Amino acid sequence: MNISTTVLEQININEAERIKETIIALLMRDLKKPGSSSSKKPTILRAEIRVEGLDAMPWLCAQRPASRGYWSDREGRFELAGVGRADSITGNCSLGYHELMTILNDRIAAANGNARYFGGLSFSKDGAKEQLWDYFKAYLFILPRFEVLNRNGTTTFACNMLTDEDIETIRAELSLLVFPETKSPSRLPTSIKRRNYPDFKTWQTNIRTVLASFEPGKYEKVVLARKATFELSDPIDAACLLGALKEKTHRCFHFLFQPDSSAAFLGASPERLYRRDGHTLKTEAIAGSRSRGDSTEADEALCLELISSEKDLREHNYVVRDIRNSLTDLCSLLVEDENPSVLKLARCQHLITTFKAKLRSGVKDADLLETLHPTPAVGGFPTRRALRDISRLEPFDRGWYAAPVGWIGKDAAQFAVGIRSGLCEGSRLHLFSGAGIVDGSTPDEEWEEIENKISDFVSLLTRS
C-alpha cells in the first residue's frame, strides 16, 4: 500500500478555500503518478498541508458528518480530530487480535506518510451483546477522510483517499467542511432524569458477595463497574461534550469515536494501556485512589493517606505484579519505578507505577493486547475468576468501557484504557466507571469513589 504524504514547508494557509484547493491539487498530482492506480487492491493517497490558526476541537464541533473522531494524549503532544471515513475495519468476534492487527499493519506497512487508524475493541473478546453497542461491534478502526492534527505545536490538515475513488467525491466532501474562525460557545443539554445500574441496594449486595468469596492467595480483587443513565433535555452533541469535558480533565487521554450520528463513545481516561514506538514500550499500573482536597493542606493529607494505605497499596500491587509477570516473556529489558508515585487529576489522585521495556524481536501489537488487556486495574486478580464475577454481577454490557481505545500507525501504536467514559445516543447519556474491590472495601466508599470519578461528566449536565 502506497501513501503519498506532502507537506508544504513555510506556508501559511488561513483561508478555507485555499486549503481545499491545495488538497485537491496534491491528490490529483499523486493520482497521476505511475503505478498509483495500477494495484489490484485500492491503496491510500494522503495529502497533508501545514496550517495556522486552526484548532482541532472547535473545528470538529463545527462539522456535521455522521462519522467523527478525536484523540489527544495525556502529555498534550499529539492531538487529532477526524471527520468522515476513507477506510474502516469493523466486525464482530470473527477475528482474533492477531488477524485484526495483521490486516491493519498490512494496510499501513508500505506507507511513506502518517496514516493512522483510530478505534478500539470491546472489553470482551466475544464482543458486546447489548444493542446499545451495535455501531461499535467487537472492533472498529477508522482511517478518517479529513484530519486536523497538532503534533508538538505544529498543526496540519490532511485528507486520505483510496486510489479507486473519484476525486470529485473528495471535492464534494471538502465543500461541506467548515473552517470556523473563532471558537463558538456550545450549549449542553441538562439532565432531567437519572437511573443507576445497579441501584445502591443491589450494589451493596454485590460488594458483600465478592468480599465473601475472596480467598487469600487465590482470589483477591475484582473491579465492579456501574452505569448511570441520564435522560437529557435535548439531544447531545458528543464532540461539544468532549470539548467541555477536556477543559475540566487535564492529564488525561481524551477520545471520541462516533461511527454514526446516533452513537458516540467518549471519555477522559487517566490510564495508558501501552505506547509502542518500534521496539520501545511504555505501560503503567494505575490503581488505588483518593479524591482531591479542597485546600493545599487537605489535598496533601489525602495524598499522604493514599501512599500510606495498606489497602490501596495492596490493590495497586496486584496490578504491578500482573503487568510485570505478563511482560517478562515479551521483553529483553523491563524497568519499573521502584515505588509508586501519585498521579493528580482534577478530582482524583491515583497511585501510579510506570514501566519501560525493550520488546523482543517479533513481538507485535496483538501480543501486547493479548497480554495486557484486561489488567487487574479494570478486571481483577486473578483475572479469569474476576471476569466471571463481572459477567455475573454487572447488570449491563461493558461494551467498549474499560477496553483498549487508541490508534495504530507505521511501527507505532498507542492505546488508553477506556475508563471515565460515556456512550451518547440521542438525548440519552450512559456513564461508566468502576472501583477495585479488595478485602477492606465497603459498599458506601466504593459507591462514592465512582460518583467522584463521573462527577466531571455530571457537572456538565447540571449547570444552571
Protein backbone atom coordinates (compact mmCIF):
# COMPACT_ATOMS: atom_id res chain seq x y z
CA MET A 1 0.00 0.00 0.00
CA ASN A 2 1.45 3.34 -1.02
CA ILE A 3 0.55 6.55 0.73
CA SER A 4 1.75 9.85 -0.64
CA THR A 5 2.22 12.49 2.01
CA THR A 6 3.06 16.02 1.00
CA VAL A 7 3.89 18.74 3.49
CA LEU A 8 4.12 22.31 2.22
CA GLU A 9 7.00 23.92 4.07
CA GLN A 10 6.93 27.51 5.29
CA ILE A 11 3.50 28.43 4.01
CA ASN A 12 0.61 29.88 5.97
CA ILE A 13 -2.83 28.89 4.69
CA ASN A 14 -5.63 30.51 6.63
CA GLU A 15 -8.36 30.71 4.00
CA ALA A 16 -10.70 27.72 3.81
CA GLU A 17 -10.87 27.73 0.02
CA ARG A 18 -7.10 27.72 -0.35
CA ILE A 19 -6.87 24.73 1.99
CA LYS A 20 -9.43 22.81 -0.05
CA GLU A 21 -7.92 23.72 -3.43
CA THR A 22 -4.43 22.77 -2.30
CA ILE A 23 -5.58 19.38 -1.02
CA ILE A 24 -7.31 18.58 -4.33
CA ALA A 25 -4.24 19.66 -6.30
CA LEU A 26 -1.96 17.42 -4.23
CA LEU A 27 -4.24 14.41 -4.58
CA MET A 28 -4.62 14.89 -8.34
CA ARG A 29 -0.86 15.14 -8.73
CA ASP A 30 -0.36 11.88 -6.85
CA LEU A 31 -3.13 10.12 -8.75
CA LYS A 32 -1.24 10.87 -11.97
CA LYS A 33 1.98 9.27 -10.74
CA PRO A 34 2.87 5.99 -12.49
CA GLY A 35 1.52 2.98 -10.61
CA SER A 36 -0.74 4.97 -8.29
CA SER A 37 -3.86 3.21 -9.55
CA SER A 38 -2.48 0.04 -11.12
CA SER A 39 -2.62 -2.11 -8.00
CA LYS A 40 -5.32 -4.77 -7.89
CA LYS A 41 -6.26 -3.55 -4.42
CA PRO A 42 -7.03 0.12 -3.77
CA THR A 43 -4.31 1.88 -1.82
CA ILE A 44 -4.27 5.09 0.17
CA LEU A 45 -3.21 8.50 -1.03
CA ARG A 46 -2.66 11.13 1.63
CA ALA A 47 -2.30 14.88 1.16
CA GLU A 48 -1.14 16.91 4.12
CA ILE A 49 -0.51 20.64 4.47
CA ARG A 50 0.56 22.84 7.33
CA VAL A 51 -1.91 25.43 8.53
CA GLU A 52 -2.04 28.13 11.17
CA GLY A 53 -4.88 29.29 13.36
CA LEU A 54 -6.89 26.08 13.13
CA ASP A 55 -7.82 24.48 16.47
CA ALA A 56 -8.78 20.82 16.30
CA MET A 57 -11.65 20.72 18.81
CA PRO A 58 -13.62 23.78 17.59
CA TRP A 59 -13.12 22.56 14.02
CA LEU A 60 -14.51 19.15 14.95
CA CYS A 61 -17.54 20.62 16.71
CA ALA A 62 -18.36 22.66 13.60
CA GLN A 63 -18.58 19.58 11.34
CA ARG A 64 -21.75 17.56 10.77
CA PRO A 65 -20.76 14.28 9.04
CA ALA A 66 -22.08 11.11 10.67
CA SER A 67 -18.57 9.87 11.50
CA ARG A 68 -16.32 11.94 13.76
CA GLY A 69 -13.39 11.12 15.99
CA TYR A 70 -10.90 12.69 18.37
CA TRP A 71 -7.78 11.67 20.24
CA SER A 72 -5.30 13.55 22.38
CA ASP A 73 -2.56 12.13 24.54
CA ARG A 74 -2.07 12.80 28.22
CA GLU A 75 1.06 14.89 27.68
CA GLY A 76 -0.52 17.32 25.19
CA ARG A 77 1.97 16.45 22.44
CA PHE A 78 -0.43 14.86 19.96
CA GLU A 79 -4.00 15.78 19.08
CA LEU A 80 -6.16 14.64 16.18
CA ALA A 81 -9.69 15.46 15.11
CA GLY A 82 -11.08 13.31 12.30
CA VAL A 83 -14.16 13.58 10.10
CA GLY A 84 -15.62 11.05 7.68
CA ARG A 85 -14.20 7.70 6.58
CA ALA A 86 -11.59 6.94 3.97
CA ASP A 87 -11.39 3.33 5.14
CA SER A 88 -12.57 1.24 8.08
CA ILE A 89 -12.19 -2.23 9.52
CA THR A 90 -15.02 -3.46 11.70
CA GLY A 91 -16.78 -6.64 12.69
CA ASN A 92 -17.96 -8.86 15.47
CA CYS A 93 -15.93 -11.67 17.02
CA SER A 94 -14.81 -13.49 13.87
CA LEU A 95 -11.26 -12.07 14.06
CA GLY A 96 -8.74 -12.51 16.85
CA TYR A 97 -6.26 -9.80 17.82
CA HIS A 98 -3.56 -11.27 15.58
CA GLU A 99 -5.76 -11.38 12.48
CA LEU A 100 -7.08 -7.87 13.09
CA MET A 101 -3.65 -6.35 13.69
CA THR A 102 -2.26 -8.13 10.62
CA ILE A 103 -4.92 -6.50 8.44
CA LEU A 104 -4.22 -3.07 9.93
CA ASN A 105 -0.45 -3.39 9.70
CA ASP A 106 -0.61 -4.66 6.12
CA ARG A 107 -2.56 -1.55 5.11
CA ILE A 108 -0.08 0.71 6.85
CA ALA A 109 3.20 -1.16 6.27
CA ALA A 110 4.21 0.42 2.95
CA ALA A 111 3.05 3.90 3.91
CA ASN A 112 5.52 6.72 3.41
CA GLY A 113 3.40 9.10 5.45
CA ASN A 114 1.50 9.46 8.69
CA ALA A 115 -1.67 7.45 8.10
CA ARG A 116 -3.19 6.09 11.30
CA TYR A 117 -6.26 4.02 12.02
CA PHE A 118 -8.19 5.11 15.11
CA GLY A 119 -10.58 2.93 17.04
CA GLY A 120 -10.99 0.34 19.71
CA LEU A 121 -12.14 -3.07 20.83
CA SER A 122 -14.84 -4.38 23.12
CA PHE A 123 -13.96 -5.28 26.70
CA SER A 124 -14.90 -8.89 25.98
CA LYS A 125 -13.32 -10.72 23.07
CA ASP A 126 -16.77 -12.09 22.33
CA GLY A 127 -17.97 -8.59 21.53
CA ALA A 128 -20.80 -6.58 23.03
CA LYS A 129 -24.19 -8.23 23.29
CA GLU A 130 -26.41 -5.20 24.02
CA GLN A 131 -27.97 -3.33 21.11
CA LEU A 132 -26.55 -0.18 22.68
CA TRP A 133 -23.15 -1.08 21.20
CA ASP A 134 -24.28 -2.18 17.74
CA TYR A 135 -22.40 0.58 15.89
CA PHE A 136 -19.12 -0.32 17.62
CA LYS A 137 -19.16 -4.10 17.31
CA ALA A 138 -16.25 -6.17 18.66
CA TYR A 139 -13.76 -3.89 16.92
CA LEU A 140 -13.81 -0.75 14.81
CA PHE A 141 -10.84 1.11 13.34
CA ILE A 142 -11.30 4.11 11.06
CA LEU A 143 -8.93 5.97 8.77
CA PRO A 144 -10.56 9.43 8.77
CA ARG A 145 -11.28 11.18 5.50
CA PHE A 146 -10.16 14.53 6.87
CA GLU A 147 -7.92 15.26 9.84
CA VAL A 148 -6.69 18.24 11.80
CA LEU A 149 -3.55 17.22 13.66
CA ASN A 150 -1.44 19.03 16.20
CA ARG A 151 1.95 17.43 16.80
CA ASN A 152 4.29 19.22 19.18
CA GLY A 153 2.76 22.58 18.33
CA THR A 154 2.64 22.14 14.54
CA THR A 155 -0.84 21.94 13.00
CA THR A 156 -1.64 20.20 9.73
CA PHE A 157 -4.76 19.47 7.72
CA ALA A 158 -4.84 16.11 5.95
CA CYS A 159 -7.04 14.18 3.56
CA ASN A 160 -6.98 10.42 2.96
CA MET A 161 -8.48 8.74 -0.10
CA LEU A 162 -8.39 5.32 -1.75
CA THR A 163 -6.96 5.13 -5.25
CA ASP A 164 -10.19 3.68 -6.66
CA GLU A 165 -12.25 6.68 -5.51
CA ASP A 166 -13.36 9.53 -7.74
CA ILE A 167 -11.60 12.81 -6.98
CA GLU A 168 -14.96 14.53 -7.43
CA THR A 169 -16.24 12.63 -4.38
CA ILE A 170 -13.43 14.15 -2.34
CA ARG A 171 -14.13 17.58 -3.77
CA ALA A 172 -17.80 17.30 -2.81
CA GLU A 173 -16.98 16.20 0.75
CA LEU A 174 -14.43 19.00 1.09
CA SER A 175 -17.06 21.54 0.10
CA LEU A 176 -19.13 20.55 3.15
CA LEU A 177 -16.33 21.20 5.65
CA VAL A 178 -16.50 24.28 7.83
CA PHE A 179 -13.37 26.13 8.98
CA PRO A 180 -14.51 28.30 11.90
CA GLU A 181 -12.52 31.45 12.53
CA THR A 182 -13.45 31.63 16.20
CA LYS A 183 -14.50 29.22 18.89
CA SER A 184 -18.28 29.23 19.24
CA PRO A 185 -19.69 28.62 22.73
CA SER A 186 -21.63 25.39 22.90
CA ARG A 187 -24.75 24.79 24.95
CA LEU A 188 -25.06 21.38 26.53
CA PRO A 189 -28.41 19.85 27.49
CA THR A 190 -29.30 19.33 31.13
CA SER A 191 -30.16 16.14 32.94
CA ILE A 192 -33.85 15.60 33.66
CA LYS A 193 -33.72 12.02 34.96
CA ARG A 194 -31.10 9.54 36.18
CA ARG A 195 -31.09 5.77 36.68
CA ASN A 196 -28.29 3.73 38.27
CA TYR A 197 -27.36 0.20 37.20
CA PRO A 198 -27.18 -1.46 39.67
CA ASP A 199 -29.09 0.58 42.23
CA PHE A 200 -27.47 1.17 45.59
CA LYS A 201 -29.19 -1.72 47.35
CA THR A 202 -28.06 -4.21 44.69
CA TRP A 203 -24.59 -2.67 44.75
CA GLN A 204 -24.33 -3.32 48.47
CA THR A 205 -25.34 -6.94 47.93
CA ASN A 206 -22.81 -7.37 45.10
CA ILE A 207 -19.92 -5.96 47.15
CA ARG A 208 -20.70 -8.22 50.08
CA THR A 209 -20.95 -11.19 47.71
CA VAL A 210 -17.47 -10.70 46.25
CA LEU A 211 -15.91 -9.89 49.63
CA ALA A 212 -17.25 -13.17 50.98
CA SER A 213 -15.77 -15.06 48.03
CA PHE A 214 -12.19 -13.78 48.40
CA GLU A 215 -9.52 -16.31 49.32
CA PRO A 216 -6.03 -15.13 50.30
CA GLY A 217 -3.57 -16.08 47.59
CA LYS A 218 -6.33 -17.38 45.30
CA TYR A 219 -8.87 -14.60 44.71
CA GLU A 220 -8.15 -11.13 46.00
CA LYS A 221 -9.60 -8.40 43.77
CA VAL A 222 -12.49 -7.71 41.40
CA VAL A 223 -13.33 -4.43 39.69
CA LEU A 224 -17.06 -3.83 39.62
CA ALA A 225 -18.45 -1.08 37.40
CA ARG A 226 -21.64 0.92 37.45
CA LYS A 227 -23.64 2.53 34.66
CA ALA A 228 -25.54 5.77 35.24
CA THR A 229 -28.06 6.62 32.50
CA PHE A 230 -29.16 10.24 32.10
CA GLU A 231 -32.23 11.36 30.19
CA LEU A 232 -31.40 14.80 28.79
CA SER A 233 -33.43 17.85 27.88
CA ASP A 234 -32.19 17.74 24.27
CA PRO A 235 -30.03 15.55 22.01
CA ILE A 236 -26.38 15.91 22.92
CA ASP A 237 -23.51 16.76 20.58
CA ALA A 238 -20.78 14.31 21.60
CA ALA A 239 -17.92 16.43 20.23
CA CYS A 240 -19.08 19.50 22.13
CA LEU A 241 -19.49 17.40 25.28
CA LEU A 242 -15.92 16.15 24.92
CA GLY A 243 -14.68 19.70 24.34
CA ALA A 244 -16.27 20.83 27.59
CA LEU A 245 -15.01 17.72 29.41
CA LYS A 246 -11.47 18.29 28.13
CA GLU A 247 -11.38 21.71 29.75
CA LYS A 248 -12.11 20.13 33.15
CA THR A 249 -9.93 17.00 32.93
CA HIS A 250 -6.24 17.68 32.47
CA ARG A 251 -3.54 14.97 32.38
CA CYS A 252 -5.91 12.54 30.65
CA PHE A 253 -6.24 10.80 27.31
CA HIS A 254 -9.29 12.32 25.61
CA PHE A 255 -11.10 10.30 22.99
CA LEU A 256 -14.22 10.29 20.85
CA PHE A 257 -15.36 7.54 18.49
CA GLN A 258 -18.56 8.45 16.67
CA PRO A 259 -19.26 5.89 13.93
CA ASP A 260 -22.77 7.24 13.37
CA SER A 261 -24.66 10.41 14.17
CA SER A 262 -26.79 8.47 16.67
CA ALA A 263 -23.97 6.86 18.69
CA ALA A 264 -20.69 8.09 20.18
CA PHE A 265 -18.27 6.74 22.78
CA LEU A 266 -16.10 9.31 24.54
CA GLY A 267 -14.10 9.81 27.67
CA ALA A 268 -11.21 11.27 29.64
CA SER A 269 -9.05 8.36 30.76
CA PRO A 270 -6.02 8.81 33.01
CA GLU A 271 -4.71 5.34 32.15
CA ARG A 272 -2.37 4.32 29.36
CA LEU A 273 -2.62 0.68 28.31
CA TYR A 274 0.60 0.97 26.32
CA ARG A 275 2.62 3.14 23.95
CA ARG A 276 4.87 1.39 21.43
CA ASP A 277 7.49 3.09 19.27
CA GLY A 278 9.31 0.43 17.31
CA HIS A 279 10.55 -1.99 19.96
CA THR A 280 10.27 0.53 22.81
CA LEU A 281 7.29 0.06 25.13
CA LYS A 282 5.74 2.20 27.85
CA THR A 283 2.95 0.99 30.09
CA GLU A 284 1.75 1.62 33.63
CA ALA A 285 -0.24 0.42 36.60
CA ILE A 286 -2.88 2.78 37.98
CA ALA A 287 -4.87 1.58 40.98
CA GLY A 288 -5.66 3.00 44.40
CA SER A 289 -7.32 6.40 44.64
CA ARG A 290 -8.42 9.32 46.77
CA SER A 291 -10.37 12.45 45.96
CA ARG A 292 -8.61 15.83 45.74
CA GLY A 293 -8.69 18.10 48.76
CA ASP A 294 -10.43 21.48 48.98
CA SER A 295 -7.17 23.14 50.05
CA THR A 296 -3.47 22.50 49.58
CA GLU A 297 -3.22 21.15 53.11
CA ALA A 298 -6.25 18.88 52.72
CA ASP A 299 -5.00 17.66 49.35
CA GLU A 300 -1.58 16.76 50.73
CA ALA A 301 -3.20 14.97 53.66
CA LEU A 302 -5.25 12.84 51.25
CA CYS A 303 -2.15 12.17 49.18
CA LEU A 304 -0.22 11.03 52.25
CA GLU A 305 -3.16 8.87 53.29
CA LEU A 306 -3.16 7.26 49.83
CA ILE A 307 0.53 6.41 49.70
CA SER A 308 0.36 5.07 53.27
CA SER A 309 -2.79 2.99 52.84
CA GLU A 310 -2.19 -0.75 53.17
CA LYS A 311 -5.44 -1.45 51.30
CA ASP A 312 -4.63 0.83 48.35
CA LEU A 313 -1.02 -0.31 48.11
CA ARG A 314 -2.20 -3.91 48.12
CA GLU A 315 -4.73 -3.18 45.36
CA HIS A 316 -2.05 -1.35 43.37
CA ASN A 317 0.49 -4.13 43.76
CA TYR A 318 -1.89 -6.68 42.23
CA VAL A 319 -1.72 -4.65 39.01
CA VAL A 320 2.04 -4.09 39.19
CA ARG A 321 2.74 -7.77 39.76
CA ASP A 322 0.43 -8.85 36.95
CA ILE A 323 1.96 -6.46 34.40
CA ARG A 324 5.49 -7.44 35.43
CA ASN A 325 4.77 -11.15 35.12
CA SER A 326 2.87 -10.73 31.86
CA LEU A 327 5.62 -8.76 30.12
CA THR A 328 8.60 -10.83 31.21
CA ASP A 329 8.48 -13.20 28.25
CA LEU A 330 7.86 -10.40 25.74
CA CYS A 331 10.73 -8.12 26.76
CA SER A 332 14.50 -8.29 26.69
CA LEU A 333 14.62 -5.41 29.17
CA LEU A 334 11.96 -4.33 31.67
CA VAL A 335 12.39 -1.43 34.08
CA GLU A 336 9.76 -0.23 36.56
CA ASP A 337 9.53 2.52 39.16
CA GLU A 338 10.96 1.46 42.50
CA ASN A 339 7.91 2.84 44.32
CA PRO A 340 4.54 4.14 43.16
CA SER A 341 4.05 7.87 42.77
CA VAL A 342 0.81 9.86 42.73
CA LEU A 343 -0.96 10.98 39.56
CA LYS A 344 -3.03 14.04 40.44
CA LEU A 345 -6.11 14.73 38.33
CA ALA A 346 -8.77 17.42 38.68
CA ARG A 347 -10.96 15.45 41.10
CA CYS A 348 -8.97 12.28 41.84
CA GLN A 349 -5.45 11.22 42.68
CA HIS A 350 -4.14 7.75 41.93
CA LEU A 351 -1.17 5.56 42.68
CA ILE A 352 0.84 5.02 39.50
CA THR A 353 3.83 2.83 38.65
CA THR A 354 5.37 3.21 35.19
CA PHE A 355 7.17 0.56 33.14
CA LYS A 356 9.64 0.97 30.29
CA ALA A 357 10.66 -2.02 28.21
CA LYS A 358 12.51 -3.21 25.14
CA LEU A 359 10.40 -5.70 23.22
CA ARG A 360 11.88 -8.90 21.89
CA SER A 361 12.10 -9.30 18.12
CA GLY A 362 8.81 -10.45 16.63
CA VAL A 363 6.57 -9.15 19.41
CA LYS A 364 3.55 -7.44 17.86
CA ASP A 365 0.69 -5.24 18.99
CA ALA A 366 -1.57 -8.29 19.06
CA ASP A 367 0.75 -9.88 21.62
CA LEU A 368 0.61 -6.75 23.77
CA LEU A 369 -3.18 -6.57 23.61
CA GLU A 370 -3.48 -10.26 24.45
CA THR A 371 -1.10 -9.84 27.38
CA LEU A 372 -2.14 -6.51 28.87
CA HIS A 373 -5.91 -6.42 28.43
CA PRO A 374 -7.58 -6.52 30.83
CA THR A 375 -5.19 -5.64 33.63
CA PRO A 376 -6.28 -6.13 37.26
CA ALA A 377 -6.93 -2.36 37.28
CA VAL A 378 -10.15 -2.93 35.30
CA GLY A 379 -10.73 -6.67 35.75
CA GLY A 380 -9.36 -8.09 38.96
CA PHE A 381 -6.90 -10.61 40.32
CA PRO A 382 -6.67 -13.30 39.22
CA THR A 383 -8.23 -12.03 36.02
CA ARG A 384 -10.11 -15.10 34.84
CA ARG A 385 -12.07 -15.56 38.04
CA ALA A 386 -12.74 -11.83 38.35
CA LEU A 387 -14.16 -11.71 34.83
CA ARG A 388 -16.64 -14.43 35.72
CA ASP A 389 -17.94 -12.36 38.63
CA ILE A 390 -18.08 -9.22 36.48
CA SER A 391 -20.20 -11.05 33.93
CA ARG A 392 -22.42 -12.48 36.67
CA LEU A 393 -22.92 -9.37 38.79
CA GLU A 394 -22.88 -6.35 36.47
CA PRO A 395 -26.41 -5.78 35.07
CA PHE A 396 -25.18 -4.28 31.79
CA ASP A 397 -22.76 -4.98 28.95
CA ARG A 398 -19.45 -3.13 29.29
CA GLY A 399 -19.14 -2.81 25.53
CA TRP A 400 -16.09 -0.62 24.92
CA TYR A 401 -15.94 0.59 28.53
CA ALA A 402 -12.53 -0.26 30.11
CA ALA A 403 -11.38 -1.66 26.75
CA PRO A 404 -8.40 -0.64 24.57
CA VAL A 405 -9.02 2.58 22.60
CA GLY A 406 -6.39 4.34 20.53
CA TRP A 407 -4.54 4.23 17.23
CA ILE A 408 -2.24 2.11 15.07
CA GLY A 409 0.36 3.75 12.83
CA LYS A 410 3.51 2.82 10.98
CA ASP A 411 5.71 0.99 13.50
CA ALA A 412 3.93 2.73 16.38
CA ALA A 413 0.75 2.40 18.39
CA GLN A 414 -0.87 3.85 21.46
CA PHE A 415 -3.85 2.64 23.46
CA ALA A 416 -5.54 4.05 26.52
CA VAL A 417 -7.93 2.17 28.77
CA GLY A 418 -11.47 3.36 28.00
CA ILE A 419 -12.46 4.29 31.55
CA ARG A 420 -14.15 7.51 32.83
CA SER A 421 -16.23 7.19 29.70
CA GLY A 422 -19.73 7.57 28.32
CA LEU A 423 -21.91 6.49 25.44
CA CYS A 424 -24.15 9.09 23.78
CA GLU A 425 -27.31 8.07 21.97
CA GLY A 426 -29.60 10.95 21.06
CA SER A 427 -30.92 12.57 24.23
CA ARG A 428 -29.55 9.84 26.46
CA LEU A 429 -26.08 9.56 28.02
CA HIS A 430 -24.73 6.43 29.69
CA LEU A 431 -21.75 6.96 32.02
CA PHE A 432 -19.48 4.13 33.12
CA SER A 433 -16.95 3.86 35.91
CA GLY A 434 -15.68 1.22 38.29
CA ALA A 435 -13.99 0.58 41.61
CA GLY A 436 -11.50 -2.04 42.70
CA ILE A 437 -12.95 -4.26 45.41
CA VAL A 438 -10.43 -5.84 47.79
CA ASP A 439 -10.52 -7.02 51.38
CA GLY A 440 -11.36 -3.91 53.41
CA SER A 441 -13.61 -2.30 50.79
CA THR A 442 -17.03 -1.03 51.83
CA PRO A 443 -20.07 -0.57 49.57
CA ASP A 444 -20.55 3.06 50.60
CA GLU A 445 -16.94 4.10 49.98
CA GLU A 446 -16.75 2.38 46.60
CA TRP A 447 -20.08 3.90 45.53
CA GLU A 448 -18.79 7.37 46.41
CA GLU A 449 -15.49 6.70 44.62
CA ILE A 450 -17.40 6.05 41.41
CA GLU A 451 -19.56 9.15 41.96
CA ASN A 452 -16.35 11.15 42.21
CA LYS A 453 -14.98 9.60 39.02
CA ILE A 454 -18.05 10.51 36.94
CA SER A 455 -18.53 13.92 38.56
CA ASP A 456 -16.78 15.83 35.76
CA PHE A 457 -19.34 14.50 33.30
CA VAL A 458 -22.26 15.02 35.69
CA SER A 459 -21.32 18.63 36.46
CA LEU A 460 -21.59 19.49 32.76
CA LEU A 461 -25.20 18.29 32.70
CA THR A 462 -26.38 20.11 35.80
CA ARG A 463 -25.13 23.63 35.26
CA SER A 464 -27.74 26.35 35.63
